[in-house]
Amino acid sequence: MNEIIFVIEEDIDGGYTAKALNYGIFTEGDTFQELKANINDAVRCYFDESDLPKIVRMHYVRDEVFALT
């Protein structure tokens, strides 16, 4: 495997959440740097060393809502 993709969203209570596509990996962090570190730890716990992906892609999703004037 070369790549694993995470969908990153802002949590309504603050911080960020990350969910891997096609894998049962979910983690969160208060800051973006903490989230990256937690993703790294979660991926290393999920996969055997020989099966680790080479790249982690973080797809950041942000919803923005505004009222029409």
Protein backbone atom coordinates (compact mmCIF):
# COMPACT_ATOMS: atom_id res chain seq x y z
CA MET A 1 0.00 0.00 0.00
CA ASN A 2 1.31 3.41 -0.88
CA GLU A 3 -1.26 5.79 0.56
CA ILE A 4 -3.98 6.12 3.17
CA ILE A 5 -6.51 8.95 3.05
CA PHE A 6 -8.02 10.67 6.09
CA VAL A 7 -11.01 13.00 6.01
CA ILE A 8 -10.30 15.87 8.42
CA GLU A 9 -13.09 18.00 9.88
CA GLU A 10 -13.31 20.66 12.54
CA ASP A 11 -15.10 19.35 15.62
CA ILE A 12 -18.04 21.44 16.85
CA ASP A 13 -16.57 21.34 20.37
CA GLY A 14 -13.16 22.51 19.10
CA GLY A 15 -10.19 20.72 17.63
CA TYR A 16 -10.23 18.31 14.71
CA THR A 17 -11.36 14.79 13.87
CA ALA A 18 -9.84 12.40 11.35
CA LYS A 19 -11.39 9.27 9.81
CA ALA A 20 -9.54 6.97 7.42
CA LEU A 21 -11.32 6.01 4.21
CA ASN A 22 -11.71 2.23 3.84
CA TYR A 23 -10.18 1.51 7.27
CA GLY A 24 -11.52 1.55 10.83
CA ILE A 25 -9.18 4.29 12.01
CA PHE A 26 -10.53 7.36 13.81
CA THR A 27 -8.66 9.89 15.92
CA GLU A 28 -8.85 13.51 17.05
CA GLY A 29 -6.66 16.33 18.29
CA ASP A 30 -7.00 19.78 19.83
CA THR A 31 -4.56 21.30 17.31
CA PHE A 32 -3.63 20.41 13.75
CA GLN A 33 -0.14 19.35 14.89
CA GLU A 34 -1.60 17.12 17.62
CA LEU A 35 -3.98 15.61 15.07
CA LYS A 36 -1.08 14.74 12.74
CA ALA A 37 0.79 13.09 15.61
CA ASN A 38 -2.34 11.14 16.61
CA ILE A 39 -2.88 10.01 12.99
CA ASN A 40 0.72 8.80 12.88
CA ASP A 41 0.24 6.81 16.11
CA ALA A 42 -3.12 5.39 14.98
CA VAL A 43 -1.78 4.23 11.61
CA ARG A 44 1.25 2.60 13.25
CA CYS A 45 -1.06 0.78 15.70
CA TYR A 46 -3.44 -0.38 12.95
CA PHE A 47 -0.91 -1.78 10.47
CA ASP A 48 1.99 -4.19 10.83
CA GLU A 49 5.35 -2.57 10.14
CA SER A 50 5.61 -4.36 6.79
CA ASP A 51 2.17 -3.10 5.68
CA LEU A 52 2.52 0.58 6.67
CA PRO A 53 1.43 3.04 3.98
CA LYS A 54 4.16 5.30 2.67
CA ILE A 55 2.00 8.44 2.46
CA VAL A 56 -0.83 9.85 4.58
CA ARG A 57 -3.13 12.18 2.67
CA MET A 58 -5.22 14.53 4.81
CA HIS A 59 -8.34 15.72 2.98
CA TYR A 60 -9.57 18.74 4.94
CA VAL A 61 -13.33 19.30 4.72
CA ARG A 62 -14.80 22.53 5.97
CA ASP A 63 -18.45 23.51 5.80
CA GLU A 64 -19.23 27.18 5.87
CA VAL A 65 -22.72 28.59 6.17
CA PHE A 66 -23.83 32.17 5.68
CA ALA A 67 -27.14 33.98 5.39
CA LEU A 68 -28.13 35.56 2.11
CA THR A 69 -28.55 39.32 2.29
